[in-house]
Amino acid sequence: MVEVNLWSGLKAFTDGQEKVEIDAKNVGEVLRGLVQAYPGLEPAIEAGVSVAVDGRIVASSLTEPVSETSEVYLIQRLRGG
């Protein structure tokens, strides 16, 4: 299981939890697992999120590996200009 840290605005969709555990081996599985376990997260994830793994933001690689010891953060993607 991979522990995923969420931004506080998502707590309403995860029963008040800011950290959840997902069974995943890569970033794509993390995102799919989050939506499966917490369907209310789907709009936020579909709108675009960034994922940080061990302190490095993974730009677009859904195949980036994660493990039980990985530090994983779901980060709200900022837009603007």
PDB file of N, CA and C in Angstrom:
ATOM      1  N   MET A   1       0.834  -1.173   0.000  1.00  0.00           N
ATOM      2  CA  MET A   1       0.000   0.000   0.000  1.00  0.00           C
ATOM      3  C   MET A   1       0.889   1.251   0.000  1.00  0.00           C
ATOM      4  N   VAL A   2       0.456   2.238  -0.739  1.00  0.00           N
ATOM      5  CA  VAL A   2       1.174   3.497  -0.845  1.00  0.00           C
ATOM      6  C   VAL A   2       0.364   4.562  -0.102  1.00  0.00           C
ATOM      7  N   GLU A   3       1.011   5.309   0.772  1.00  0.00           N
ATOM      8  CA  GLU A   3       0.344   6.396   1.467  1.00  0.00           C
ATOM      9  C   GLU A   3       0.382   7.635   0.583  1.00  0.00           C
ATOM     10  N   VAL A   4      -0.802   8.206   0.337  1.00  0.00           N
ATOM     11  CA  VAL A   4      -0.924   9.386  -0.519  1.00  0.00           C
ATOM     12  C   VAL A   4      -1.391  10.556   0.335  1.00  0.00           C
ATOM     13  N   ASN A   5      -0.639  11.640   0.303  1.00  0.00           N
ATOM     14  CA  ASN A   5      -0.973  12.862   1.025  1.00  0.00           C
ATOM     15  C   ASN A   5      -1.782  13.759   0.093  1.00  0.00           C
ATOM     16  N   LEU A   6      -2.922  14.245   0.585  1.00  0.00           N
ATOM     17  CA  LEU A   6      -3.818  15.065  -0.220  1.00  0.00           C
ATOM     18  C   LEU A   6      -3.831  16.492   0.294  1.00  0.00           C
ATOM     19  N   TRP A   7      -4.195  17.455  -0.561  1.00  0.00           N
ATOM     20  CA  TRP A   7      -4.348  18.814  -0.063  1.00  0.00           C
ATOM     21  C   TRP A   7      -5.658  18.880   0.724  1.00  0.00           C
ATOM     22  N   SER A   8      -5.723  19.800   1.653  1.00  0.00           N
ATOM     23  CA  SER A   8      -6.814  19.840   2.627  1.00  0.00           C
ATOM     24  C   SER A   8      -8.200  19.984   2.004  1.00  0.00           C
ATOM     25  N   GLY A   9      -8.318  20.594   0.864  1.00  0.00           N
ATOM     26  CA  GLY A   9      -9.604  20.767   0.210  1.00  0.00           C
ATOM     27  C   GLY A   9     -10.255  19.465  -0.229  1.00  0.00           C
ATOM     28  N   LEU A  10      -9.485  18.386  -0.252  1.00  0.00           N
ATOM     29  CA  LEU A  10     -10.036  17.098  -0.680  1.00  0.00           C
ATOM     30  C   LEU A  10     -10.549  16.263   0.475  1.00  0.00           C
ATOM     31  N   LYS A  11     -10.335  16.713   1.700  1.00  0.00           N
ATOM     32  CA  LYS A  11     -10.758  15.932   2.873  1.00  0.00           C
ATOM     33  C   LYS A  11     -12.249  15.614   2.863  1.00  0.00           C
ATOM     34  N   ALA A  12     -13.043  16.487   2.281  1.00  0.00           N
ATOM     35  CA  ALA A  12     -14.489  16.259   2.237  1.00  0.00           C
ATOM     36  C   ALA A  12     -14.849  15.006   1.447  1.00  0.00           C
ATOM     37  N   PHE A  13     -13.954  14.562   0.572  1.00  0.00           N
ATOM     38  CA  PHE A  13     -14.221  13.403  -0.277  1.00  0.00           C
ATOM     39  C   PHE A  13     -13.574  12.124   0.250  1.00  0.00           C
ATOM     40  N   THR A  14     -12.811  12.251   1.337  1.00  0.00           N
ATOM     41  CA  THR A  14     -12.088  11.088   1.878  1.00  0.00           C
ATOM     42  C   THR A  14     -12.394  10.882   3.356  1.00  0.00           C
ATOM     43  N   ASP A  15     -13.611  11.170   3.737  1.00  0.00           N
ATOM     44  CA  ASP A  15     -14.039  10.996   5.134  1.00  0.00           C
ATOM     45  C   ASP A  15     -13.152  11.762   6.101  1.00  0.00           C
ATOM     46  N   GLY A  16     -12.696  12.942   5.695  1.00  0.00           N
ATOM     47  CA  GLY A  16     -11.903  13.801   6.566  1.00  0.00           C
ATOM     48  C   GLY A  16     -10.427  13.467   6.637  1.00  0.00           C
ATOM     49  N   GLN A  17      -9.979  12.514   5.847  1.00  0.00           N
ATOM     50  CA  GLN A  17      -8.572  12.103   5.878  1.00  0.00           C
ATOM     51  C   GLN A  17      -7.721  12.933   4.922  1.00  0.00           C
ATOM     52  N   GLU A  18      -6.541  13.347   5.391  1.00  0.00           N
ATOM     53  CA  GLU A  18      -5.592  14.025   4.504  1.00  0.00           C
ATOM     54  C   GLU A  18      -4.563  13.043   3.947  1.00  0.00           C
ATOM     55  N   LYS A  19      -4.520  11.846   4.517  1.00  0.00           N
ATOM     56  CA  LYS A  19      -3.635  10.777   4.027  1.00  0.00           C
ATOM     57  C   LYS A  19      -4.483   9.527   3.841  1.00  0.00           C
ATOM     58  N   VAL A  20      -4.331   8.900   2.680  1.00  0.00           N
ATOM     59  CA  VAL A  20      -5.053   7.664   2.395  1.00  0.00           C
ATOM     60  C   VAL A  20      -4.069   6.646   1.837  1.00  0.00           C
ATOM     61  N   GLU A  21      -4.409   5.374   1.952  1.00  0.00           N
ATOM     62  CA  GLU A  21      -3.555   4.315   1.413  1.00  0.00           C
ATOM     63  C   GLU A  21      -4.213   3.700   0.197  1.00  0.00           C
ATOM     64  N   ILE A  22      -3.405   3.522  -0.840  1.00  0.00           N
ATOM     65  CA  ILE A  22      -3.867   2.977  -2.112  1.00  0.00           C
ATOM     66  C   ILE A  22      -2.907   1.868  -2.527  1.00  0.00           C
ATOM     67  N   ASP A  23      -3.446   0.783  -3.052  1.00  0.00           N
ATOM     68  CA  ASP A  23      -2.619  -0.296  -3.577  1.00  0.00           C
ATOM     69  C   ASP A  23      -2.208   0.086  -4.992  1.00  0.00           C
ATOM     70  N   ALA A  24      -0.931   0.416  -5.182  1.00  0.00           N
ATOM     71  CA  ALA A  24      -0.468   0.887  -6.490  1.00  0.00           C
ATOM     72  C   ALA A  24       1.022   0.632  -6.647  1.00  0.00           C
ATOM     73  N   LYS A  25       1.429   0.478  -7.910  1.00  0.00           N
ATOM     74  CA  LYS A  25       2.843   0.288  -8.230  1.00  0.00           C
ATOM     75  C   LYS A  25       3.408   1.440  -9.052  1.00  0.00           C
ATOM     76  N   ASN A  26       2.512   2.329  -9.562  1.00  0.00           N
ATOM     77  CA  ASN A  26       2.976   3.488 -10.319  1.00  0.00           C
ATOM     78  C   ASN A  26       1.968   4.633 -10.157  1.00  0.00           C
ATOM     79  N   VAL A  27       2.314   5.793 -10.671  1.00  0.00           N
ATOM     80  CA  VAL A  27       1.486   6.991 -10.501  1.00  0.00           C
ATOM     81  C   VAL A  27       0.100   6.801 -11.116  1.00  0.00           C
ATOM     82  N   GLY A  28       0.017   6.187 -12.271  1.00  0.00           N
ATOM     83  CA  GLY A  28      -1.281   5.947 -12.904  1.00  0.00           C
ATOM     84  C   GLY A  28      -2.192   5.103 -12.022  1.00  0.00           C
ATOM     85  N   GLU A  29      -1.625   4.069 -11.408  1.00  0.00           N
ATOM     86  CA  GLU A  29      -2.412   3.228 -10.510  1.00  0.00           C
ATOM     87  C   GLU A  29      -2.825   3.992  -9.257  1.00  0.00           C
ATOM     88  N   VAL A  30      -1.985   4.908  -8.796  1.00  0.00           N
ATOM     89  CA  VAL A  30      -2.353   5.751  -7.650  1.00  0.00           C
ATOM     90  C   VAL A  30      -3.602   6.551  -7.993  1.00  0.00           C
ATOM     91  N   LEU A  31      -3.588   7.223  -9.149  1.00  0.00           N
ATOM     92  CA  LEU A  31      -4.719   8.063  -9.542  1.00  0.00           C
ATOM     93  C   LEU A  31      -5.986   7.238  -9.755  1.00  0.00           C
ATOM     94  N   ARG A  32      -5.860   6.102 -10.433  1.00  0.00           N
ATOM     95  CA  ARG A  32      -7.025   5.240 -10.646  1.00  0.00           C
ATOM     96  C   ARG A  32      -7.542   4.691  -9.318  1.00  0.00           C
ATOM     97  N   GLY A  33      -6.631   4.311  -8.447  1.00  0.00           N
ATOM     98  CA  GLY A  33      -7.017   3.780  -7.143  1.00  0.00           C
ATOM     99  C   GLY A  33      -7.721   4.815  -6.284  1.00  0.00           C
ATOM    100  N   LEU A  34      -7.277   6.062  -6.361  1.00  0.00           N
ATOM    101  CA  LEU A  34      -7.936   7.135  -5.613  1.00  0.00           C
ATOM    102  C   LEU A  34      -9.371   7.314  -6.074  1.00  0.00           C
ATOM    103  N   VAL A  35      -9.583   7.318  -7.383  1.00  0.00           N
ATOM    104  CA  VAL A  35     -10.936   7.499  -7.923  1.00  0.00           C
ATOM    105  C   VAL A  35     -11.815   6.300  -7.562  1.00  0.00           C
ATOM    106  N   GLN A  36     -11.246   5.110  -7.614  1.00  0.00           N
ATOM    107  CA  GLN A  36     -12.024   3.915  -7.287  1.00  0.00           C
ATOM    108  C   GLN A  36     -12.421   3.907  -5.806  1.00  0.00           C
ATOM    109  N   ALA A  37     -11.489   4.255  -4.932  1.00  0.00           N
ATOM    110  CA  ALA A  37     -11.759   4.231  -3.496  1.00  0.00           C
ATOM    111  C   ALA A  37     -12.588   5.427  -3.041  1.00  0.00           C
ATOM    112  N   TYR A  38     -12.400   6.561  -3.708  1.00  0.00           N
ATOM    113  CA  TYR A  38     -13.071   7.812  -3.321  1.00  0.00           C
ATOM    114  C   TYR A  38     -13.597   8.495  -4.582  1.00  0.00           C
ATOM    115  N   PRO A  39     -14.748   8.052  -5.088  1.00  0.00           N
ATOM    116  CA  PRO A  39     -15.278   8.599  -6.349  1.00  0.00           C
ATOM    117  C   PRO A  39     -15.430  10.120  -6.354  1.00  0.00           C
ATOM    118  N   GLY A  40     -15.609  10.733  -5.211  1.00  0.00           N
ATOM    119  CA  GLY A  40     -15.740  12.179  -5.153  1.00  0.00           C
ATOM    120  C   GLY A  40     -14.478  12.915  -5.577  1.00  0.00           C
ATOM    121  N   LEU A  41     -13.343  12.209  -5.621  1.00  0.00           N
ATOM    122  CA  LEU A  41     -12.079  12.823  -6.043  1.00  0.00           C
ATOM    123  C   LEU A  41     -11.961  12.929  -7.564  1.00  0.00           C
ATOM    124  N   GLU A  42     -12.802  12.217  -8.289  1.00  0.00           N
ATOM    125  CA  GLU A  42     -12.658  12.166  -9.747  1.00  0.00           C
ATOM    126  C   GLU A  42     -12.680  13.541 -10.413  1.00  0.00           C
ATOM    127  N   PRO A  43     -13.609  14.456 -10.066  1.00  0.00           N
ATOM    128  CA  PRO A  43     -13.582  15.765 -10.733  1.00  0.00           C
ATOM    129  C   PRO A  43     -12.260  16.515 -10.527  1.00  0.00           C
ATOM    130  N   ALA A  44     -11.710  16.465  -9.331  1.00  0.00           N
ATOM    131  CA  ALA A  44     -10.444  17.153  -9.069  1.00  0.00           C
ATOM    132  C   ALA A  44      -9.309  16.521  -9.858  1.00  0.00           C
ATOM    133  N   ILE A  45      -9.279  15.202  -9.909  1.00  0.00           N
ATOM    134  CA  ILE A  45      -8.209  14.508 -10.632  1.00  0.00           C
ATOM    135  C   ILE A  45      -8.362  14.736 -12.131  1.00  0.00           C
ATOM    136  N   GLU A  46      -9.589  14.672 -12.632  1.00  0.00           N
ATOM    137  CA  GLU A  46      -9.826  14.911 -14.059  1.00  0.00           C
ATOM    138  C   GLU A  46      -9.493  16.347 -14.460  1.00  0.00           C
ATOM    139  N   ALA A  47      -9.677  17.303 -13.546  1.00  0.00           N
ATOM    140  CA  ALA A  47      -9.373  18.707 -13.830  1.00  0.00           C
ATOM    141  C   ALA A  47      -7.868  18.931 -13.960  1.00  0.00           C
ATOM    142  N   GLY A  48      -7.095  18.026 -13.394  1.00  0.00           N
ATOM    143  CA  GLY A  48      -5.644  18.116 -13.497  1.00  0.00           C
ATOM    144  C   GLY A  48      -4.993  18.262 -12.143  1.00  0.00           C
ATOM    145  N   VAL A  49      -4.117  17.349 -11.843  1.00  0.00           N
ATOM    146  CA  VAL A  49      -3.357  17.379 -10.601  1.00  0.00           C
ATOM    147  C   VAL A  49      -1.894  17.108 -10.928  1.00  0.00           C
ATOM    148  N   SER A  50      -1.058  17.460 -10.001  1.00  0.00           N
ATOM    149  CA  SER A  50       0.349  17.083 -10.085  1.00  0.00           C
ATOM    150  C   SER A  50       0.584  16.046  -8.999  1.00  0.00           C
ATOM    151  N   VAL A  51       1.540  15.189  -9.238  1.00  0.00           N
ATOM    152  CA  VAL A  51       1.896  14.175  -8.256  1.00  0.00           C
ATOM    153  C   VAL A  51       3.380  14.320  -7.968  1.00  0.00           C
ATOM    154  N   ALA A  52       3.709  14.394  -6.694  1.00  0.00           N
ATOM    155  CA  ALA A  52       5.116  14.430  -6.286  1.00  0.00           C
ATOM    156  C   ALA A  52       5.458  13.083  -5.663  1.00  0.00           C
ATOM    157  N   VAL A  53       6.566  12.519  -6.107  1.00  0.00           N
ATOM    158  CA  VAL A  53       7.052  11.249  -5.574  1.00  0.00           C
ATOM    159  C   VAL A  53       8.452  11.483  -5.047  1.00  0.00           C
ATOM    160  N   ASP A  54       8.610  11.265  -3.755  1.00  0.00           N
ATOM    161  CA  ASP A  54       9.903  11.437  -3.092  1.00  0.00           C
ATOM    162  C   ASP A  54      10.518  12.803  -3.378  1.00  0.00           C
ATOM    163  N   GLY A  55       9.680  13.843  -3.299  1.00  0.00           N
ATOM    164  CA  GLY A  55      10.160  15.211  -3.433  1.00  0.00           C
ATOM    165  C   GLY A  55      10.329  15.709  -4.849  1.00  0.00           C
ATOM    166  N   ARG A  56       9.965  14.894  -5.831  1.00  0.00           N
ATOM    167  CA  ARG A  56      10.119  15.274  -7.240  1.00  0.00           C
ATOM    168  C   ARG A  56       8.755  15.245  -7.911  1.00  0.00           C
ATOM    169  N   ILE A  57       8.380  16.365  -8.539  1.00  0.00           N
ATOM    170  CA  ILE A  57       7.093  16.401  -9.231  1.00  0.00           C
ATOM    171  C   ILE A  57       7.198  15.608 -10.523  1.00  0.00           C
ATOM    172  N   VAL A  58       6.273  14.676 -10.677  1.00  0.00           N
ATOM    173  CA  VAL A  58       6.214  13.830 -11.860  1.00  0.00           C
ATOM    174  C   VAL A  58       5.309  14.540 -12.857  1.00  0.00           C
ATOM    175  N   ALA A  59       5.889  15.040 -13.925  1.00  0.00           N
ATOM    176  CA  ALA A  59       5.153  15.894 -14.860  1.00  0.00           C
ATOM    177  C   ALA A  59       4.024  15.143 -15.561  1.00  0.00           C
ATOM    178  N   SER A  60       4.336  14.110 -16.269  1.00  0.00           N
ATOM    179  CA  SER A  60       3.279  13.443 -17.032  1.00  0.00           C
ATOM    180  C   SER A  60       3.485  11.940 -17.150  1.00  0.00           C
ATOM    181  N   SER A  61       4.353  11.381 -16.368  1.00  0.00           N
ATOM    182  CA  SER A  61       4.646   9.954 -16.471  1.00  0.00           C
ATOM    183  C   SER A  61       3.777   9.143 -15.523  1.00  0.00           C
ATOM    184  N   LEU A  62       2.733   8.555 -16.071  1.00  0.00           N
ATOM    185  CA  LEU A  62       1.867   7.705 -15.266  1.00  0.00           C
ATOM    186  C   LEU A  62       2.539   6.395 -14.904  1.00  0.00           C
ATOM    187  N   THR A  63       3.665   6.099 -15.558  1.00  0.00           N
ATOM    188  CA  THR A  63       4.372   4.851 -15.284  1.00  0.00           C
ATOM    189  C   THR A  63       5.480   5.023 -14.237  1.00  0.00           C
ATOM    190  N   GLU A  64       5.618   6.230 -13.694  1.00  0.00           N
ATOM    191  CA  GLU A  64       6.618   6.473 -12.643  1.00  0.00           C
ATOM    192  C   GLU A  64       6.339   5.528 -11.480  1.00  0.00           C
ATOM    193  N   PRO A  65       7.321   4.704 -11.093  1.00  0.00           N
ATOM    194  CA  PRO A  65       7.069   3.732 -10.026  1.00  0.00           C
ATOM    195  C   PRO A  65       6.913   4.374  -8.647  1.00  0.00           C
ATOM    196  N   VAL A  66       6.092   3.733  -7.820  1.00  0.00           N
ATOM    197  CA  VAL A  66       5.937   4.093  -6.415  1.00  0.00           C
ATOM    198  C   VAL A  66       6.021   2.799  -5.611  1.00  0.00           C
ATOM    199  N   SER A  67       6.387   2.940  -4.346  1.00  0.00           N
ATOM    200  CA  SER A  67       6.469   1.764  -3.476  1.00  0.00           C
ATOM    201  C   SER A  67       5.926   2.127  -2.105  1.00  0.00           C
ATOM    202  N   GLU A  68       5.897   1.151  -1.232  1.00  0.00           N
ATOM    203  CA  GLU A  68       5.405   1.376   0.128  1.00  0.00           C
ATOM    204  C   GLU A  68       6.210   2.439   0.857  1.00  0.00           C
ATOM    205  N   THR A  69       7.458   2.617   0.476  1.00  0.00           N
ATOM    206  CA  THR A  69       8.305   3.600   1.149  1.00  0.00           C
ATOM    207  C   THR A  69       8.314   4.961   0.457  1.00  0.00           C
ATOM    208  N   SER A  70       7.616   5.076  -0.671  1.00  0.00           N
ATOM    209  CA  SER A  70       7.584   6.344  -1.401  1.00  0.00           C
ATOM    210  C   SER A  70       6.782   7.383  -0.638  1.00  0.00           C
ATOM    211  N   GLU A  71       7.240   8.619  -0.723  1.00  0.00           N
ATOM    212  CA  GLU A  71       6.492   9.757  -0.189  1.00  0.00           C
ATOM    213  C   GLU A  71       5.726  10.344  -1.368  1.00  0.00           C
ATOM    214  N   VAL A  72       4.391  10.215  -1.347  1.00  0.00           N
ATOM    215  CA  VAL A  72       3.567  10.614  -2.481  1.00  0.00           C
ATOM    216  C   VAL A  72       2.608  11.718  -2.053  1.00  0.00           C
ATOM    217  N   TYR A  73       2.589  12.805  -2.831  1.00  0.00           N
ATOM    218  CA  TYR A  73       1.697  13.934  -2.588  1.00  0.00           C
ATOM    219  C   TYR A  73       0.894  14.219  -3.844  1.00  0.00           C
ATOM    220  N   LEU A  74      -0.418  14.379  -3.664  1.00  0.00           N
ATOM    221  CA  LEU A  74      -1.285  14.847  -4.729  1.00  0.00           C
ATOM    222  C   LEU A  74      -1.375  16.351  -4.554  1.00  0.00           C
ATOM    223  N   ILE A  75      -1.044  17.105  -5.615  1.00  0.00           N
ATOM    224  CA  ILE A  75      -0.938  18.555  -5.513  1.00  0.00           C
ATOM    225  C   ILE A  75      -1.892  19.191  -6.528  1.00  0.00           C
ATOM    226  N   GLN A  76      -2.618  20.194  -6.059  1.00  0.00           N
ATOM    227  CA  GLN A  76      -3.518  20.914  -6.949  1.00  0.00           C
ATOM    228  C   GLN A  76      -2.702  21.623  -8.013  1.00  0.00           C
ATOM    229  N   ARG A  77      -3.085  21.415  -9.261  1.00  0.00           N
ATOM    230  CA  ARG A  77      -2.379  22.058 -10.362  1.00  0.00           C
ATOM    231  C   ARG A  77      -2.809  23.519 -10.439  1.00  0.00           C
ATOM    232  N   LEU A  78      -1.843  24.398 -10.441  1.00  0.00           N
ATOM    233  CA  LEU A  78      -2.131  25.833 -10.511  1.00  0.00           C
ATOM    234  C   LEU A  78      -2.190  26.265 -11.965  1.00  0.00           C
ATOM    235  N   ARG A  79      -3.141  27.125 -12.246  1.00  0.00           N
ATOM    236  CA  ARG A  79      -3.293  27.642 -13.615  1.00  0.00           C
ATOM    237  C   ARG A  79      -3.326  29.153 -13.551  1.00  0.00           C
ATOM    238  N   GLY A  80      -3.039  29.748 -14.614  1.00  0.00           N
ATOM    239  CA  GLY A  80      -3.094  31.210 -14.665  1.00  0.00           C
ATOM    240  C   GLY A  80      -1.995  31.755 -15.547  1.00  0.00           C
ATOM    241  N   GLY A  81      -1.878  33.033 -15.504  1.00  0.00           N
ATOM    242  CA  GLY A  81      -0.849  33.604 -16.359  1.00  0.00           C
ATOM    243  C   GLY A  81      -0.676  35.056 -16.137  1.00  0.00           C
TER     244      GLY A  81
END
